[in-house]
Each structure stands twice: as structure tokens, then as C-alpha cells.
N, C-alpha and C. Protein backbone atom coordinates (compact mmCIF):
# COMPACT_ATOMS: atom_id res chain seq x y z
N MET A 1 128.37 20.58 -6.43
CA MET A 1 127.18 20.58 -6.49
C MET A 1 126.27 20.48 -7.71
N GLY A 2 125.70 19.59 -7.54
CA GLY A 2 124.76 18.73 -9.03
C GLY A 2 123.67 20.07 -9.38
N MET A 3 123.12 19.40 -10.58
CA MET A 3 121.37 19.91 -10.75
C MET A 3 120.26 19.81 -9.59
N PRO A 4 119.86 21.13 -9.01
CA PRO A 4 118.51 20.83 -8.19
C PRO A 4 117.85 19.78 -8.90
N ALA A 5 117.10 19.50 -7.73
CA ALA A 5 115.98 18.53 -7.84
C ALA A 5 114.80 18.65 -8.89
N ASN A 6 114.61 19.87 -9.27
CA ASN A 6 113.29 20.36 -10.12
C ASN A 6 114.14 19.81 -11.69
N VAL A 7 115.09 19.16 -12.30
CA VAL A 7 115.37 19.02 -13.64
C VAL A 7 114.29 18.34 -13.71
N GLU A 8 113.86 18.52 -15.05
CA GLU A 8 112.47 18.27 -15.84
C GLU A 8 113.51 18.03 -17.16
N ILE A 9 112.37 17.19 -18.26
CA ILE A 9 112.57 16.62 -19.41
C ILE A 9 112.42 18.21 -20.13
N GLY A 10 113.45 18.33 -20.93
CA GLY A 10 113.72 19.54 -21.72
C GLY A 10 114.61 20.22 -21.05
N SER A 11 115.09 20.29 -19.81
CA SER A 11 116.06 21.26 -19.22
C SER A 11 117.31 21.13 -19.83
N HIS A 12 118.08 22.39 -20.18
CA HIS A 12 119.61 22.65 -20.78
C HIS A 12 120.19 22.30 -19.85
N VAL A 13 121.05 21.66 -19.58
CA VAL A 13 122.39 20.93 -18.65
C VAL A 13 123.48 21.30 -19.49
N TRP A 14 124.80 20.84 -18.43
CA TRP A 14 126.00 20.75 -18.95
C TRP A 14 126.49 19.10 -18.53
N VAL A 15 126.54 18.53 -19.42
CA VAL A 15 127.75 16.92 -18.71
C VAL A 15 129.19 16.96 -19.05
N GLU A 16 129.51 16.31 -18.00
CA GLU A 16 131.19 16.03 -18.31
C GLU A 16 131.13 15.21 -19.46
N ASP A 17 132.49 15.84 -20.34
CA ASP A 17 132.68 14.80 -21.57
C ASP A 17 134.19 15.16 -21.77
N PRO A 18 134.37 13.29 -21.97
CA PRO A 18 136.65 13.25 -22.26
C PRO A 18 137.32 13.88 -22.92
N GLU A 19 136.58 14.49 -23.93
CA GLU A 19 137.20 15.36 -24.77
C GLU A 19 137.29 16.70 -24.95
N VAL A 20 136.19 17.48 -24.51
CA VAL A 20 135.96 18.63 -24.46
C VAL A 20 135.91 18.94 -22.82
N ALA A 21 135.99 18.43 -21.93
CA ALA A 21 135.68 18.45 -20.31
C ALA A 21 134.34 18.48 -20.29
N TRP A 22 133.44 19.51 -20.57
CA TRP A 22 131.96 19.87 -20.28
C TRP A 22 131.33 20.00 -21.56
N ILE A 23 130.06 19.89 -22.39
CA ILE A 23 129.20 19.93 -23.20
C ILE A 23 128.29 20.31 -22.68
N ASP A 24 127.50 20.83 -23.86
CA ASP A 24 125.74 21.07 -23.22
C ASP A 24 124.92 19.97 -24.06
N GLY A 25 123.73 20.06 -23.20
CA GLY A 25 123.08 19.36 -23.83
C GLY A 25 121.34 19.33 -23.02
N ILE A 26 120.30 18.69 -23.68
CA ILE A 26 118.93 18.70 -23.10
C ILE A 26 118.42 17.00 -22.81
N VAL A 27 117.72 17.31 -21.80
CA VAL A 27 117.49 16.27 -20.60
C VAL A 27 116.33 15.32 -21.47
N ILE A 28 116.67 13.96 -22.13
CA ILE A 28 115.20 13.78 -22.73
C ILE A 28 114.69 12.58 -21.97
N ASN A 29 115.00 12.24 -20.62
CA ASN A 29 114.34 11.26 -20.20
C ASN A 29 114.95 11.26 -18.55
N ILE A 30 114.29 10.98 -17.81
CA ILE A 30 114.95 10.99 -16.22
C ILE A 30 114.12 9.68 -15.86
N GLU A 31 115.06 8.80 -15.20
CA GLU A 31 114.91 7.56 -14.12
C GLU A 31 115.61 7.73 -12.92
N GLN A 32 114.56 7.73 -12.19
CA GLN A 32 114.99 8.28 -10.31
C GLN A 32 116.14 9.03 -10.65
N ASP A 33 117.06 8.66 -9.71
CA ASP A 33 118.47 9.74 -9.88
C ASP A 33 119.69 9.71 -11.10
N GLU A 34 118.91 9.01 -12.09
CA GLU A 34 119.65 8.85 -13.26
C GLU A 34 118.94 9.79 -14.45
N VAL A 35 119.41 10.30 -15.07
CA VAL A 35 118.97 11.08 -16.20
C VAL A 35 119.60 10.36 -17.62
N GLU A 36 118.92 10.72 -18.90
CA GLU A 36 119.74 10.92 -20.44
C GLU A 36 119.53 11.90 -20.87
N VAL A 37 120.60 12.12 -21.38
CA VAL A 37 120.91 13.87 -21.86
C VAL A 37 121.63 13.86 -23.16
N GLN A 38 120.83 14.40 -24.32
CA GLN A 38 121.40 14.37 -25.55
C GLN A 38 121.91 15.84 -25.79
N THR A 39 123.60 15.39 -26.30
CA THR A 39 124.34 16.31 -25.99
C THR A 39 124.40 17.32 -27.57
N ARG A 40 125.36 18.37 -27.04
CA ARG A 40 125.21 18.69 -29.11
C ARG A 40 125.79 18.55 -30.45
N ASP A 41 126.64 17.26 -29.62
CA ASP A 41 126.93 16.59 -30.89
C ASP A 41 126.03 15.69 -31.16
N GLY A 42 124.74 15.37 -30.59
CA GLY A 42 123.81 14.31 -31.25
C GLY A 42 124.14 12.90 -30.43
N LYS A 43 125.03 12.95 -29.50
CA LYS A 43 125.04 12.05 -28.54
C LYS A 43 124.10 11.67 -27.45
N THR A 44 123.98 10.38 -26.82
CA THR A 44 123.23 10.36 -25.75
C THR A 44 123.58 9.27 -24.81
N VAL A 45 124.13 10.46 -23.43
CA VAL A 45 124.68 9.87 -22.39
C VAL A 45 123.29 9.53 -21.01
N ALA A 46 124.32 8.67 -20.30
CA ALA A 46 123.43 8.75 -18.96
C ALA A 46 123.97 9.01 -18.06
N VAL A 47 123.54 9.96 -17.41
CA VAL A 47 124.39 10.50 -16.41
C VAL A 47 123.51 10.90 -14.84
N SER A 48 124.80 10.00 -13.59
CA SER A 48 123.93 10.31 -12.32
C SER A 48 122.95 11.99 -12.39
N LEU A 49 122.36 12.23 -11.69
CA LEU A 49 121.83 13.56 -11.78
C LEU A 49 122.37 14.70 -10.72
N SER A 50 123.15 14.18 -9.96
CA SER A 50 124.25 14.92 -8.86
C SER A 50 125.49 15.19 -10.16
N ARG A 51 125.75 14.69 -11.52
CA ARG A 51 126.78 14.95 -11.89
C ARG A 51 126.31 16.24 -13.38
N ILE A 52 125.19 16.62 -13.17
CA ILE A 52 124.79 17.13 -14.47
C ILE A 52 124.62 18.97 -13.78
N TYR A 53 125.01 20.10 -14.50
CA TYR A 53 124.47 21.44 -14.01
C TYR A 53 124.27 22.24 -15.03
N PRO A 54 123.40 23.05 -14.20
CA PRO A 54 122.06 23.82 -15.07
C PRO A 54 122.89 24.82 -16.19
N ASN A 55 122.23 24.84 -17.02
CA ASN A 55 123.16 25.62 -18.58
C ASN A 55 121.92 27.07 -19.03
N ASP A 56 122.64 28.03 -18.90
CA ASP A 56 122.00 29.54 -18.80
C ASP A 56 121.71 29.84 -20.32
N VAL A 57 121.06 29.29 -20.92
CA VAL A 57 120.91 29.49 -22.50
C VAL A 57 120.77 30.69 -22.95
N GLU A 58 120.29 32.02 -21.85
CA GLU A 58 120.08 32.84 -22.09
C GLU A 58 120.96 33.59 -22.02
N ALA A 59 121.95 33.40 -21.96
CA ALA A 59 123.52 34.12 -21.22
C ALA A 59 123.97 34.81 -22.47
N PRO A 60 124.23 36.14 -22.85
CA PRO A 60 125.18 36.68 -23.86
C PRO A 60 125.65 35.78 -24.52
N SER A 61 125.54 35.97 -26.00
CA SER A 61 126.41 35.13 -26.97
C SER A 61 127.56 35.60 -26.56
N GLY A 62 128.38 36.76 -26.18
CA GLY A 62 129.64 37.00 -26.66
C GLY A 62 130.24 36.69 -24.94
N GLY A 63 129.45 36.68 -23.56
CA GLY A 63 129.99 35.38 -22.56
C GLY A 63 129.79 37.28 -21.66
N VAL A 64 130.11 37.25 -20.61
CA VAL A 64 129.92 38.57 -19.38
C VAL A 64 131.37 38.86 -19.30
N ASP A 65 131.97 40.11 -18.90
CA ASP A 65 133.24 40.60 -18.60
C ASP A 65 133.09 40.22 -17.13
N ASP A 66 132.28 39.91 -16.10
CA ASP A 66 132.88 39.68 -15.03
C ASP A 66 131.38 38.53 -14.43
N MET A 67 132.68 37.52 -14.23
CA MET A 67 131.68 36.28 -14.18
C MET A 67 130.65 36.02 -12.62
N THR A 68 130.37 37.83 -12.09
CA THR A 68 129.89 37.28 -10.73
C THR A 68 128.61 37.82 -11.36
N ARG A 69 128.69 38.00 -12.83
CA ARG A 69 126.93 38.36 -13.21
C ARG A 69 126.12 37.21 -14.16
N LEU A 70 126.92 35.64 -13.95
CA LEU A 70 126.41 34.69 -14.36
C LEU A 70 125.40 34.20 -13.57
N GLN A 71 124.49 33.54 -14.15
CA GLN A 71 123.41 33.15 -13.55
C GLN A 71 123.66 31.55 -12.65
N TYR A 72 124.59 31.08 -13.06
CA TYR A 72 124.97 29.72 -12.20
C TYR A 72 126.61 29.77 -12.37
N LEU A 73 127.40 29.89 -11.40
CA LEU A 73 128.78 30.11 -11.17
C LEU A 73 129.32 28.67 -10.77
N HIS A 74 129.23 27.97 -11.60
CA HIS A 74 130.27 26.56 -11.93
C HIS A 74 130.86 26.31 -12.37
N GLU A 75 131.61 24.74 -12.49
CA GLU A 75 133.01 25.03 -13.50
C GLU A 75 132.48 24.92 -15.06
N PRO A 76 131.28 24.44 -15.49
CA PRO A 76 131.29 24.53 -16.72
C PRO A 76 130.82 26.14 -17.38
N ALA A 77 130.03 26.12 -16.28
CA ALA A 77 129.90 27.61 -16.87
C ALA A 77 130.69 29.02 -17.02
N VAL A 78 131.85 28.71 -15.45
CA VAL A 78 132.70 29.55 -15.67
C VAL A 78 133.75 29.23 -16.95
N LEU A 79 134.23 28.09 -17.60
CA LEU A 79 135.02 28.05 -18.54
C LEU A 79 134.26 27.51 -19.63
N HIS A 80 133.31 27.94 -19.98
CA HIS A 80 132.12 28.38 -21.18
C HIS A 80 132.51 29.84 -21.43
N ASN A 81 131.77 30.35 -20.34
CA ASN A 81 132.13 31.96 -20.59
C ASN A 81 133.76 32.11 -20.74
N LEU A 82 134.63 32.03 -20.03
CA LEU A 82 136.05 32.26 -20.62
C LEU A 82 136.63 31.74 -22.24
N ALA A 83 135.98 30.52 -22.61
CA ALA A 83 136.37 29.94 -23.32
C ALA A 83 135.83 30.96 -24.79
N THR A 84 134.47 31.47 -24.53
CA THR A 84 133.46 32.51 -25.50
C THR A 84 133.99 33.65 -25.55
N ARG A 85 134.90 34.47 -24.59
CA ARG A 85 135.29 35.72 -24.71
C ARG A 85 136.82 35.04 -25.63
N TYR A 86 137.56 34.16 -25.34
CA TYR A 86 138.78 33.96 -25.91
C TYR A 86 138.33 33.80 -27.01
N GLU A 87 137.48 33.50 -27.83
CA GLU A 87 137.12 33.43 -29.28
C GLU A 87 137.28 34.43 -29.85
N ILE A 88 137.13 35.56 -28.84
CA ILE A 88 136.99 36.96 -29.89
C ILE A 88 137.47 38.31 -29.22
N ASN A 89 139.01 37.25 -28.61
CA ASN A 89 140.29 37.59 -28.30
C ASN A 89 140.10 39.07 -27.24
N GLU A 90 139.13 37.92 -26.34
CA GLU A 90 138.99 39.08 -24.54
C GLU A 90 139.71 38.20 -23.84
N ILE A 91 140.63 38.47 -23.64
CA ILE A 91 141.54 37.54 -22.87
C ILE A 91 141.47 37.95 -21.40
N TYR A 92 140.97 39.11 -21.16
CA TYR A 92 140.84 39.11 -19.82
C TYR A 92 139.30 39.31 -19.32
N THR A 93 139.15 38.75 -18.01
CA THR A 93 137.58 38.62 -17.51
C THR A 93 137.90 38.88 -15.63
N TYR A 94 136.78 39.57 -15.25
CA TYR A 94 136.96 39.97 -13.90
C TYR A 94 135.92 38.56 -13.25
N SER A 95 136.61 38.36 -12.19
CA SER A 95 135.50 37.67 -11.04
C SER A 95 135.80 38.37 -9.95
N GLY A 96 134.51 39.22 -9.78
CA GLY A 96 134.28 40.35 -8.66
C GLY A 96 135.64 41.28 -8.69
N ASN A 97 136.62 41.61 -7.74
CA ASN A 97 137.59 42.70 -7.72
C ASN A 97 139.36 41.50 -8.51
N ILE A 98 138.72 39.89 -8.96
CA ILE A 98 140.33 39.48 -9.29
C ILE A 98 140.26 39.23 -10.87
N LEU A 99 141.11 39.49 -11.49
CA LEU A 99 141.46 39.58 -12.92
C LEU A 99 141.59 37.97 -13.30
N ILE A 100 141.18 37.32 -14.49
CA ILE A 100 141.19 36.20 -14.69
C ILE A 100 141.80 36.45 -16.14
N ALA A 101 143.08 35.89 -16.37
CA ALA A 101 143.92 36.06 -17.73
C ALA A 101 144.30 34.81 -18.18
N LEU A 102 143.89 34.78 -19.84
CA LEU A 102 144.11 33.63 -20.83
C LEU A 102 145.83 34.20 -21.62
N ASN A 103 146.27 32.96 -21.80
CA ASN A 103 147.55 33.26 -22.71
C ASN A 103 146.96 33.27 -23.79
N PRO A 104 147.19 34.66 -24.91
CA PRO A 104 146.78 34.56 -25.97
C PRO A 104 147.65 33.61 -26.83
N PHE A 105 148.75 33.76 -26.46
CA PHE A 105 149.99 32.90 -27.40
C PHE A 105 149.80 33.85 -28.90
N GLN A 106 149.85 34.91 -28.89
CA GLN A 106 150.30 35.77 -30.18
C GLN A 106 150.13 36.85 -29.10
N PRO A 107 151.00 37.71 -29.81
CA PRO A 107 151.23 39.66 -29.60
C PRO A 107 149.87 40.00 -30.02
N LEU A 108 149.83 41.18 -29.12
CA LEU A 108 148.38 42.02 -28.80
C LEU A 108 148.93 43.27 -28.41
N SER A 109 150.02 43.82 -28.98
CA SER A 109 150.40 44.96 -28.76
C SER A 109 149.75 46.27 -28.61
N HIS A 110 148.50 46.31 -29.23
CA HIS A 110 147.57 47.00 -29.24
C HIS A 110 146.67 47.41 -28.05
N LEU A 111 146.56 46.21 -27.21
CA LEU A 111 146.46 46.43 -25.68
C LEU A 111 146.90 47.02 -24.65
N TYR A 112 148.69 47.33 -24.90
CA TYR A 112 149.39 47.71 -24.25
C TYR A 112 150.22 49.07 -24.60
N ASP A 113 149.91 49.85 -25.33
CA ASP A 113 150.66 50.90 -25.87
C ASP A 113 149.93 52.26 -25.24
N VAL A 114 150.67 53.44 -25.39
CA VAL A 114 150.50 54.19 -24.26
C VAL A 114 148.91 55.01 -24.27
N TYR A 115 148.75 54.80 -25.27
CA TYR A 115 146.72 55.03 -25.70
C TYR A 115 145.94 54.73 -24.90
N VAL A 116 146.32 52.99 -24.60
CA VAL A 116 145.20 52.49 -23.71
C VAL A 116 145.48 52.56 -22.54
N MET A 117 146.98 52.67 -21.87
CA MET A 117 147.31 53.20 -20.78
C MET A 117 146.24 54.75 -20.55
N GLU A 118 146.53 55.28 -21.21
CA GLU A 118 146.26 56.76 -20.39
C GLU A 118 144.40 56.53 -20.41
N ARG A 119 144.02 55.79 -21.43
CA ARG A 119 142.36 55.47 -21.41
C ARG A 119 142.28 54.59 -19.93
N TYR A 120 142.99 53.87 -19.20
CA TYR A 120 142.91 53.28 -17.92
C TYR A 120 143.16 54.15 -16.97
N LYS A 121 143.76 55.32 -17.02
CA LYS A 121 144.26 56.01 -16.03
C LYS A 121 143.31 56.62 -15.27
N GLY A 122 142.97 56.13 -14.00
CA GLY A 122 142.11 56.81 -13.25
C GLY A 122 140.65 56.26 -13.26
N ALA A 123 140.41 55.76 -14.11
CA ALA A 123 139.34 55.06 -14.63
C ALA A 123 138.71 54.37 -13.56
N LEU A 124 137.38 54.09 -13.82
CA LEU A 124 136.58 52.81 -12.88
C LEU A 124 136.56 51.71 -13.86
N ILE A 125 136.42 50.63 -12.87
CA ILE A 125 136.49 49.30 -13.02
C ILE A 125 135.29 49.22 -13.96
N GLU A 126 134.19 49.67 -14.02
CA GLU A 126 133.10 49.28 -14.57
C GLU A 126 132.90 50.07 -15.84
N GLY A 127 133.55 51.21 -16.26
CA GLY A 127 133.63 51.97 -17.17
C GLY A 127 134.26 51.25 -18.20
N LEU A 128 135.18 50.49 -18.39
CA LEU A 128 135.85 50.20 -19.26
C LEU A 128 135.89 48.56 -19.50
N SER A 129 136.41 47.68 -20.58
CA SER A 129 136.85 46.22 -20.44
C SER A 129 138.21 45.97 -19.57
N PRO A 130 137.68 44.76 -18.62
CA PRO A 130 138.37 44.19 -18.02
C PRO A 130 139.99 44.28 -18.94
N HIS A 131 141.11 44.39 -17.51
CA HIS A 131 142.57 44.65 -18.42
C HIS A 131 143.10 44.76 -17.05
N VAL A 132 144.88 44.32 -17.31
CA VAL A 132 145.67 44.24 -16.11
C VAL A 132 145.78 45.51 -15.78
N PHE A 133 145.55 46.66 -16.87
CA PHE A 133 145.98 47.84 -16.38
C PHE A 133 144.84 48.75 -15.12
N THR A 134 143.53 47.64 -15.25
CA THR A 134 142.66 48.70 -14.32
C THR A 134 143.16 48.07 -12.54
N ILE A 135 143.85 47.04 -12.52
CA ILE A 135 144.38 45.96 -11.21
C ILE A 135 145.18 47.29 -10.83
N ALA A 136 146.27 47.27 -11.93
CA ALA A 136 147.77 48.07 -11.58
C ALA A 136 147.00 49.63 -10.87
N ASP A 137 146.25 49.98 -12.10
CA ASP A 137 145.67 51.68 -11.13
C ASP A 137 144.64 51.45 -10.20
N VAL A 138 144.06 50.27 -9.99
CA VAL A 138 143.57 50.38 -8.56
C VAL A 138 144.26 50.21 -7.31
N ALA A 139 145.43 49.32 -7.41
CA ALA A 139 146.18 49.08 -6.19
C ALA A 139 147.34 50.29 -6.29
N TYR A 140 147.54 51.11 -7.14
CA TYR A 140 148.64 52.13 -7.10
C TYR A 140 147.67 53.33 -6.10
N ARG A 141 146.43 53.61 -6.86
CA ARG A 141 145.42 54.70 -6.05
C ARG A 141 145.06 54.26 -4.99
N GLU A 142 145.13 52.98 -4.60
CA GLU A 142 144.80 52.74 -2.98
C GLU A 142 146.17 53.19 -2.12
N MET A 143 147.37 52.72 -2.86
CA MET A 143 148.20 53.31 -2.02
C MET A 143 148.75 54.56 -1.90
N ILE A 144 148.57 55.26 -3.06
CA ILE A 144 148.55 56.59 -2.68
C ILE A 144 147.48 56.92 -1.47
N LYS A 145 146.47 56.56 -1.38
CA LYS A 145 145.19 57.39 -0.73
C LYS A 145 145.30 56.47 0.73
N GLU A 146 145.57 55.49 1.03
CA GLU A 146 146.07 54.72 2.63
C GLU A 146 147.52 55.32 2.84
N GLY A 147 148.84 55.60 1.67
CA GLY A 147 150.04 55.82 2.28
C GLY A 147 150.60 55.01 3.34
N ARG A 148 150.58 53.79 2.03
CA ARG A 148 151.40 52.87 2.79
C ARG A 148 151.68 51.65 1.59
N SER A 149 152.36 50.30 1.44
CA SER A 149 152.04 49.69 0.53
C SER A 149 151.23 48.81 0.19
N ASN A 150 151.44 48.67 -1.21
CA ASN A 150 150.30 47.88 -1.93
C ASN A 150 150.90 46.83 -2.68
N SER A 151 150.22 45.62 -2.70
CA SER A 151 150.74 44.46 -3.13
C SER A 151 149.43 43.93 -4.22
N ILE A 152 149.96 43.37 -5.75
CA ILE A 152 149.55 42.59 -6.60
C ILE A 152 149.61 41.18 -6.72
N LEU A 153 148.61 40.60 -6.30
CA LEU A 153 149.22 38.77 -6.75
C LEU A 153 149.19 38.49 -7.98
N VAL A 154 149.83 37.89 -8.40
CA VAL A 154 150.08 37.40 -9.99
C VAL A 154 150.37 35.21 -9.64
N SER A 155 149.74 34.79 -9.87
CA SER A 155 149.35 33.14 -9.82
C SER A 155 149.28 32.80 -11.07
N GLY A 156 149.40 31.89 -11.26
CA GLY A 156 148.86 30.73 -12.46
C GLY A 156 149.79 29.41 -12.64
N GLU A 157 149.66 28.63 -13.64
CA GLU A 157 150.40 27.35 -13.61
C GLU A 157 151.29 27.52 -14.82
N SER A 158 152.51 27.02 -15.12
CA SER A 158 153.68 27.11 -15.77
C SER A 158 153.32 27.57 -17.33
N GLY A 159 153.85 28.74 -17.85
CA GLY A 159 153.36 28.69 -19.18
C GLY A 159 151.55 29.50 -19.46
N ALA A 160 151.17 30.07 -18.39
CA ALA A 160 150.14 30.54 -18.36
C ALA A 160 150.59 32.18 -18.67
N GLY A 161 151.24 32.58 -18.33
CA GLY A 161 151.48 34.09 -18.88
C GLY A 161 152.17 35.06 -17.58
N LYS A 162 152.36 34.26 -16.73
CA LYS A 162 152.90 35.38 -15.31
C LYS A 162 153.97 36.46 -15.81
N THR A 163 154.50 36.19 -16.37
CA THR A 163 155.81 36.76 -16.36
C THR A 163 155.31 38.18 -17.16
N GLU A 164 154.82 37.53 -18.38
CA GLU A 164 153.97 38.71 -19.45
C GLU A 164 153.20 39.61 -18.68
N THR A 165 152.55 38.97 -17.85
CA THR A 165 151.34 39.90 -17.17
C THR A 165 152.24 40.43 -16.14
N THR A 166 153.20 40.10 -14.96
CA THR A 166 154.00 40.90 -14.44
C THR A 166 154.89 42.53 -14.84
N LYS A 167 155.29 42.09 -16.56
CA LYS A 167 155.70 42.70 -17.43
C LYS A 167 154.88 44.24 -17.32
N MET A 168 153.74 43.78 -17.95
CA MET A 168 152.26 44.49 -18.08
C MET A 168 152.10 45.92 -16.89
N LEU A 169 151.93 44.84 -15.71
CA LEU A 169 151.62 45.64 -14.58
C LEU A 169 152.58 46.69 -14.05
N MET A 170 154.36 46.46 -14.17
CA MET A 170 155.22 47.16 -13.67
C MET A 170 155.51 48.53 -15.09
N ARG A 171 155.30 47.78 -16.23
CA ARG A 171 154.87 49.30 -17.38
C ARG A 171 154.21 49.88 -17.28
N TYR A 172 153.12 49.69 -16.45
CA TYR A 172 152.00 50.62 -16.31
C TYR A 172 151.98 51.31 -14.94
N LEU A 173 152.68 50.67 -14.06
CA LEU A 173 153.26 51.47 -12.36
C LEU A 173 154.30 52.38 -12.94
N ALA A 174 155.02 52.22 -13.99
CA ALA A 174 156.24 53.08 -14.44
C ALA A 174 155.52 54.04 -15.16
N TYR A 175 154.72 53.86 -15.84
CA TYR A 175 153.93 55.09 -16.39
C TYR A 175 153.22 56.29 -15.77
N LEU A 176 152.46 55.61 -14.66
CA LEU A 176 152.42 56.43 -13.74
C LEU A 176 153.18 56.90 -13.03
N GLY A 177 154.14 56.02 -12.56
CA GLY A 177 155.25 57.17 -11.66
C GLY A 177 155.93 58.68 -12.35
N GLY A 178 155.48 58.41 -13.82
CA GLY A 178 156.17 59.74 -14.92
C GLY A 178 157.53 59.28 -15.90
N HIS A 179 157.84 59.98 -16.49
CA HIS A 179 158.56 59.68 -17.75
C HIS A 179 160.20 60.04 -17.63
N SER A 180 160.12 61.00 -16.62
CA SER A 180 161.40 61.21 -16.46
C SER A 180 162.49 60.57 -16.07
N GLY A 181 163.90 60.23 -16.27
CA GLY A 181 164.77 59.86 -15.52
C GLY A 181 165.93 59.62 -15.85
N ALA A 182 166.81 59.13 -15.12
CA ALA A 182 168.42 59.31 -15.57
C ALA A 182 169.02 58.99 -16.73
N GLU A 183 170.02 59.34 -17.15
CA GLU A 183 171.06 58.92 -17.84
C GLU A 183 170.15 58.73 -19.42
N GLY A 184 169.42 59.72 -19.43
CA GLY A 184 168.17 59.70 -20.90
C GLY A 184 166.93 58.69 -21.10
N ARG A 185 167.28 57.83 -19.81
CA ARG A 185 165.93 56.15 -19.80
C ARG A 185 165.22 56.95 -19.33
N THR A 186 163.87 56.23 -19.51
CA THR A 186 162.40 56.56 -18.49
C THR A 186 162.36 56.31 -17.57
N VAL A 187 161.53 56.05 -16.61
CA VAL A 187 161.34 55.32 -15.81
C VAL A 187 160.76 53.96 -16.31
N GLU A 188 160.01 53.95 -16.88
CA GLU A 188 159.54 52.43 -17.37
C GLU A 188 160.71 51.81 -17.96
N GLN A 189 161.44 52.38 -18.72
CA GLN A 189 162.96 51.52 -18.96
C GLN A 189 163.46 51.00 -18.00
N GLN A 190 164.10 51.70 -16.88
CA GLN A 190 164.51 51.27 -15.45
C GLN A 190 163.92 50.62 -15.26
N VAL A 191 162.46 50.61 -14.87
CA VAL A 191 162.06 49.37 -13.96
C VAL A 191 162.00 47.96 -14.83
N LEU A 192 161.73 47.94 -16.03
CA LEU A 192 161.65 46.72 -16.94
C LEU A 192 162.82 46.09 -16.67
N GLU A 193 164.39 46.97 -16.74
CA GLU A 193 165.80 46.64 -16.62
C GLU A 193 165.91 45.64 -15.49
N VAL A 194 165.20 46.32 -14.33
CA VAL A 194 165.31 45.57 -13.13
C VAL A 194 164.57 44.17 -12.93
N SER A 195 163.59 44.33 -13.39
CA SER A 195 162.39 43.17 -13.48
C SER A 195 163.56 42.11 -14.41
N ARG A 196 164.09 42.31 -15.35
CA ARG A 196 164.48 41.28 -16.02
C ARG A 196 166.01 40.66 -15.02
N MET A 197 166.51 41.96 -14.34
CA MET A 197 167.58 41.54 -13.53
C MET A 197 166.94 40.18 -12.42
N ILE A 198 165.32 40.70 -11.73
CA ILE A 198 164.93 39.54 -11.07
C ILE A 198 164.84 38.38 -11.41
N TYR A 199 164.16 38.53 -12.51
CA TYR A 199 163.89 36.95 -13.39
C TYR A 199 165.22 36.42 -13.42
N ILE A 200 166.01 36.59 -13.90
CA ILE A 200 167.45 36.26 -14.39
C ILE A 200 167.73 35.29 -12.65
N TRP A 201 167.83 36.32 -12.10
CA TRP A 201 168.46 35.51 -10.65
C TRP A 201 167.04 34.65 -9.80
N PHE A 202 165.92 35.14 -10.26
CA PHE A 202 164.97 33.90 -9.26
C PHE A 202 165.06 32.70 -10.40
N MET A 203 165.58 32.39 -12.03
CA MET A 203 165.95 30.89 -12.55
C MET A 203 167.28 30.77 -12.21
N LEU A 204 168.00 31.70 -11.93
CA LEU A 204 169.50 31.14 -11.25
C LEU A 204 169.34 30.11 -9.74
N VAL A 205 168.62 30.90 -8.93
CA VAL A 205 168.12 30.60 -7.42
C VAL A 205 167.32 28.78 -7.77
N ASN A 206 166.54 29.19 -8.45
CA ASN A 206 165.75 27.72 -8.75
C ASN A 206 166.43 26.49 -9.42
N ALA A 207 167.43 27.11 -10.56
CA ALA A 207 168.29 26.58 -11.27
C ALA A 207 169.15 25.37 -9.94
N LEU A 208 169.71 26.50 -9.36
CA LEU A 208 170.99 25.81 -7.88
C LEU A 208 170.07 25.18 -7.07
N LYS A 209 168.57 25.32 -6.67
CA LYS A 209 167.62 24.43 -5.86
C LYS A 209 168.01 22.63 -6.77
N PHE A 210 167.80 22.93 -8.22
CA PHE A 210 167.37 21.66 -8.58
C PHE A 210 168.67 20.76 -8.69
N TYR A 211 169.67 21.84 -8.78
CA TYR A 211 171.01 21.29 -8.92
C TYR A 211 171.33 20.19 -7.14
N ARG A 212 170.92 21.22 -6.41
CA ARG A 212 171.03 20.54 -5.02
C ARG A 212 170.66 19.03 -4.87
N ALA A 213 169.08 19.60 -5.37
CA ALA A 213 168.42 18.54 -4.89
C ALA A 213 168.60 17.05 -5.97
N TYR A 214 169.26 17.56 -7.20
CA TYR A 214 169.90 16.24 -8.03
C TYR A 214 171.06 15.51 -7.18
N ALA A 215 171.99 16.66 -6.97
CA ALA A 215 173.38 15.65 -5.84
C ALA A 215 173.37 14.82 -5.00
N LEU A 216 171.73 15.68 -4.59
CA LEU A 216 171.67 15.09 -3.23
C LEU A 216 171.24 13.42 -3.54
N PHE A 217 170.31 13.25 -4.21
CA PHE A 217 169.90 11.85 -4.59
C PHE A 217 170.53 11.06 -5.81
N LYS A 218 171.76 11.63 -6.24
CA LYS A 218 172.14 11.07 -7.45
C LYS A 218 172.93 9.63 -6.71
């Protein structure tokens, strides 16, 4: 869905850009179903009315922590909000009850220590910044309350950080489960050791599938 029909000269919009995906600009001319937009980098582009999207210039400068609060929920607005938060090291953003995580490609150990886990333990989603611990905590509390198994879906492209996110989830769930363990090991240590074994098994299974496929078409 593109720009509403009431677009006018001076409207702030988003247009596609081959280098940065989307770039903001201002409508400077309208000719039937085509508009001219002066982009932030000083260029003037002509695009179809259906290919521009409204830009909320009154949005908070640091972005919003829940994208359901965005005035416009379209692709450029979502990507801009995520990029804005990423620039200030806010790698987590909610979209309703879904948590979006961006790979920081650097250690952020201060986000996952015991102090942070204690802060998120039993806390309301609205009370703290978006965090993977909140998702784990809500799933755990619902499991206890309803007395049945629960699950957390972690998805994303290769390199998105799924493995690290899963480790953090398991670490927090182990923390909630208690600190005592057998043979001098904590519950957290035992769970993480099992997760490494599962990950290795998963990689071996995929390698075996690849080998069989390669042998079949060789």
C-alpha cells in the first residue's frame, strides 16, 4: 500500500533508494499519478504515487520500543525505527508480543548478567526495555500458571544471531529454575552443556544430509 490519495506538495515521504533501501524526502511536485521528491541527500526523483510512503517526522528521535506505537506501520517506517534504535545500541524492539533482535556483532555482556536477570524476573513487559529475558520470563510464568508445556520460537536468517539468542533464553530459564546442581555444577551450567551437545548434533545431521544430497547428484 502506497501513499494516501491526499498527498500534497510539502508532504514528508519515504521513497525507494538503490543504496540504502529507503530514503526520506519532501514532495515538491505532483503530476497526476507521478510525484517528484527531493530526497535528504539533495537528489530529485520521480516516482509513482503508489510507490511512496508517509514519513512521520514527529516520531521520537530515538525510535519507539514497541512498533505498534508507530503512526505508520509500513516497511520503511519499521526499518527506520530498527536502525535508529540500533545506532544507540538498543538491539531489542517489540512488535506487540513479538521481540525483534538485531545482531550487534560485538559482545554486550552487560545486558545479560545476573543483575539484569534479577531485574527482569517477574517484571511487566511495559516496565522495562525490550529484552529476550522478558520473553523467557513470560513463557515461564505462563507455563507455571497453566501447568502445561510452553515454547518459544526463535527464527531468522543465517547469521542473525539465533544460536546466541537461544543460549540467552536457556540461560535465563535455568536461572529461574534454581542454582543448585549435581557434581558442583549449577542448573545453568548443565543446561548450557546440553545445548552445546544439541547444537553439535544438529550440525552433524545437516552435514550428513548435505553429504547424501551431494553423493546423489554427483
